[in-house]
Amino acid sequence: MKTFEVFLNKTYAVEIEAENKDDALNFAEFYTGDIMDLSTVAEQKEHKFKIINIDSRINEAFEVNEITD
């Protein structure tokens, strides 16, 4: 089999509770991974936020390259 490197654009809608818009934006960027909430309960309490839902909206490949040795 051949090996390929595939580049993806992924877009998510994140529903989050936070003190303000800036916190919501920053925490959504920092604490989300591949459709996962990466925050701990302690971090949520410390920074006063909670990620409620992460919904994958777009998952699109835009480039693929064959990897050769």
N, C-alpha and C. Protein backbone atom coordinates (compact mmCIF):
# COMPACT_ATOMS: atom_id res chain seq x y z
N MET A 1 0.82 -1.18 0.00
CA MET A 1 0.00 0.00 0.00
C MET A 1 0.87 1.25 0.00
N LYS A 2 0.35 2.32 -0.54
CA LYS A 2 1.02 3.60 -0.56
C LYS A 2 0.62 4.41 0.67
N THR A 3 1.44 5.39 1.02
CA THR A 3 1.15 6.27 2.15
C THR A 3 0.92 7.68 1.63
N PHE A 4 -0.11 8.35 2.18
CA PHE A 4 -0.48 9.69 1.74
C PHE A 4 -0.60 10.61 2.94
N GLU A 5 -0.32 11.87 2.71
CA GLU A 5 -0.55 12.92 3.69
C GLU A 5 -1.74 13.72 3.17
N VAL A 6 -2.80 13.77 3.97
CA VAL A 6 -4.03 14.45 3.56
C VAL A 6 -4.24 15.66 4.47
N PHE A 7 -4.46 16.82 3.85
CA PHE A 7 -4.72 18.06 4.60
C PHE A 7 -6.22 18.30 4.61
N LEU A 8 -6.74 18.57 5.81
CA LEU A 8 -8.18 18.76 5.99
C LEU A 8 -8.50 20.14 6.55
N ASN A 9 -9.61 20.68 6.12
CA ASN A 9 -10.24 21.83 6.77
C ASN A 9 -11.43 21.29 7.54
N LYS A 10 -11.49 21.59 8.82
CA LYS A 10 -12.62 21.14 9.63
C LYS A 10 -13.26 22.36 10.28
N THR A 11 -14.56 22.39 10.27
CA THR A 11 -15.30 23.48 10.90
C THR A 11 -16.26 22.88 11.92
N TYR A 12 -16.27 23.46 13.10
CA TYR A 12 -17.14 23.00 14.18
C TYR A 12 -17.98 24.16 14.70
N ALA A 13 -19.15 23.84 15.15
CA ALA A 13 -19.95 24.80 15.91
C ALA A 13 -19.82 24.38 17.37
N VAL A 14 -19.34 25.28 18.20
CA VAL A 14 -19.13 24.99 19.62
C VAL A 14 -20.12 25.80 20.44
N GLU A 15 -20.92 25.12 21.22
CA GLU A 15 -21.84 25.80 22.14
C GLU A 15 -21.16 25.83 23.49
N ILE A 16 -20.96 27.04 24.04
CA ILE A 16 -20.17 27.19 25.26
C ILE A 16 -20.79 28.25 26.17
N GLU A 17 -20.74 28.00 27.46
CA GLU A 17 -21.12 28.99 28.45
C GLU A 17 -19.84 29.67 28.91
N ALA A 18 -19.84 31.00 29.00
CA ALA A 18 -18.66 31.74 29.45
C ALA A 18 -19.10 33.10 29.96
N GLU A 19 -18.19 33.80 30.61
CA GLU A 19 -18.48 35.11 31.17
C GLU A 19 -18.72 36.18 30.10
N ASN A 20 -18.01 36.07 28.95
CA ASN A 20 -18.13 37.07 27.90
C ASN A 20 -17.70 36.47 26.56
N LYS A 21 -17.86 37.27 25.47
CA LYS A 21 -17.54 36.79 24.12
C LYS A 21 -16.07 36.41 23.97
N ASP A 22 -15.18 37.25 24.51
CA ASP A 22 -13.75 36.98 24.39
C ASP A 22 -13.38 35.66 25.06
N ASP A 23 -13.90 35.44 26.26
CA ASP A 23 -13.64 34.17 26.95
C ASP A 23 -14.20 33.00 26.15
N ALA A 24 -15.40 33.14 25.64
CA ALA A 24 -16.01 32.07 24.86
C ALA A 24 -15.14 31.72 23.66
N LEU A 25 -14.68 32.73 22.93
CA LEU A 25 -13.83 32.52 21.77
C LEU A 25 -12.52 31.84 22.18
N ASN A 26 -11.86 32.38 23.18
CA ASN A 26 -10.56 31.84 23.60
C ASN A 26 -10.67 30.41 24.13
N PHE A 27 -11.65 30.15 24.97
CA PHE A 27 -11.79 28.81 25.55
C PHE A 27 -12.22 27.79 24.49
N ALA A 28 -13.07 28.20 23.56
CA ALA A 28 -13.48 27.29 22.48
C ALA A 28 -12.28 26.90 21.63
N GLU A 29 -11.41 27.86 21.33
CA GLU A 29 -10.21 27.56 20.54
C GLU A 29 -9.23 26.69 21.32
N PHE A 30 -8.99 27.03 22.57
CA PHE A 30 -7.94 26.38 23.34
C PHE A 30 -8.33 24.98 23.83
N TYR A 31 -9.58 24.81 24.23
CA TYR A 31 -9.99 23.57 24.89
C TYR A 31 -10.70 22.57 24.00
N THR A 32 -10.69 22.76 22.70
CA THR A 32 -11.32 21.77 21.83
C THR A 32 -10.28 21.09 20.96
N GLY A 33 -10.50 19.82 20.75
CA GLY A 33 -9.67 19.03 19.85
C GLY A 33 -10.59 18.39 18.84
N ASP A 34 -10.17 17.38 18.21
CA ASP A 34 -10.93 16.72 17.15
C ASP A 34 -12.30 16.25 17.67
N ILE A 35 -13.24 17.16 17.69
CA ILE A 35 -14.60 16.96 18.20
C ILE A 35 -14.59 16.45 19.64
N MET A 36 -13.67 17.00 20.44
CA MET A 36 -13.57 16.60 21.85
C MET A 36 -13.40 17.84 22.72
N ASP A 37 -13.97 17.79 23.89
CA ASP A 37 -13.74 18.81 24.92
C ASP A 37 -12.48 18.37 25.67
N LEU A 38 -11.42 19.13 25.58
CA LEU A 38 -10.16 18.79 26.22
C LEU A 38 -10.02 19.40 27.61
N SER A 39 -11.00 20.17 28.04
CA SER A 39 -10.92 20.83 29.34
C SER A 39 -11.23 19.85 30.46
N THR A 40 -10.66 20.16 31.63
CA THR A 40 -10.96 19.38 32.84
C THR A 40 -12.01 20.13 33.65
N VAL A 41 -12.61 19.45 34.58
CA VAL A 41 -13.59 20.09 35.47
C VAL A 41 -12.91 21.22 36.24
N ALA A 42 -11.68 21.00 36.68
CA ALA A 42 -10.96 22.04 37.43
C ALA A 42 -10.74 23.29 36.57
N GLU A 43 -10.37 23.10 35.30
CA GLU A 43 -10.18 24.25 34.40
C GLU A 43 -11.49 24.98 34.15
N GLN A 44 -12.57 24.25 34.02
CA GLN A 44 -13.88 24.86 33.81
C GLN A 44 -14.26 25.72 35.02
N LYS A 45 -14.02 25.19 36.21
CA LYS A 45 -14.33 25.95 37.43
C LYS A 45 -13.43 27.17 37.57
N GLU A 46 -12.13 27.00 37.30
CA GLU A 46 -11.17 28.10 37.44
C GLU A 46 -11.48 29.25 36.47
N HIS A 47 -11.81 28.91 35.23
CA HIS A 47 -12.03 29.93 34.20
C HIS A 47 -13.51 30.26 33.98
N LYS A 48 -14.38 29.58 34.70
CA LYS A 48 -15.83 29.82 34.65
C LYS A 48 -16.40 29.67 33.24
N PHE A 49 -16.29 28.45 32.72
CA PHE A 49 -16.88 28.14 31.41
C PHE A 49 -17.26 26.66 31.37
N LYS A 50 -18.08 26.30 30.40
CA LYS A 50 -18.43 24.91 30.18
C LYS A 50 -18.81 24.72 28.72
N ILE A 51 -18.14 23.81 28.06
CA ILE A 51 -18.46 23.48 26.67
C ILE A 51 -19.64 22.53 26.70
N ILE A 52 -20.72 22.92 26.06
CA ILE A 52 -21.96 22.15 26.08
C ILE A 52 -22.01 21.16 24.94
N ASN A 53 -21.61 21.60 23.74
CA ASN A 53 -21.72 20.73 22.57
C ASN A 53 -20.71 21.16 21.52
N ILE A 54 -20.18 20.19 20.78
CA ILE A 54 -19.31 20.44 19.63
C ILE A 54 -19.90 19.66 18.46
N ASP A 55 -20.25 20.37 17.42
CA ASP A 55 -20.91 19.76 16.26
C ASP A 55 -20.04 19.95 15.02
N SER A 56 -19.60 18.86 14.41
CA SER A 56 -18.80 18.94 13.19
C SER A 56 -19.70 19.38 12.04
N ARG A 57 -19.31 20.47 11.36
CA ARG A 57 -20.11 21.02 10.27
C ARG A 57 -19.50 20.77 8.91
N ILE A 58 -18.18 20.93 8.81
CA ILE A 58 -17.50 20.74 7.52
C ILE A 58 -16.25 19.90 7.78
N ASN A 59 -16.04 18.90 6.95
CA ASN A 59 -14.84 18.07 7.01
C ASN A 59 -14.42 17.83 5.57
N GLU A 60 -13.49 18.67 5.09
CA GLU A 60 -13.18 18.68 3.66
C GLU A 60 -11.68 18.59 3.44
N ALA A 61 -11.25 17.62 2.62
CA ALA A 61 -9.85 17.51 2.23
C ALA A 61 -9.55 18.53 1.14
N PHE A 62 -8.40 19.21 1.24
CA PHE A 62 -8.06 20.20 0.22
C PHE A 62 -6.73 19.90 -0.47
N GLU A 63 -5.98 18.93 0.05
CA GLU A 63 -4.72 18.56 -0.60
C GLU A 63 -4.34 17.15 -0.18
N VAL A 64 -3.76 16.39 -1.09
CA VAL A 64 -3.26 15.06 -0.76
C VAL A 64 -1.94 14.86 -1.51
N ASN A 65 -0.94 14.37 -0.77
CA ASN A 65 0.38 14.13 -1.34
C ASN A 65 0.82 12.72 -0.99
N GLU A 66 1.36 12.02 -1.97
CA GLU A 66 1.92 10.70 -1.71
C GLU A 66 3.27 10.88 -1.03
N ILE A 67 3.49 10.11 0.03
CA ILE A 67 4.74 10.16 0.75
C ILE A 67 5.65 9.06 0.20
N THR A 68 6.81 9.47 -0.26
CA THR A 68 7.76 8.51 -0.79
C THR A 68 9.06 8.62 0.02
N ASP A 69 9.74 7.52 0.14
CA ASP A 69 11.00 7.51 0.91
C ASP A 69 12.16 7.95 0.08
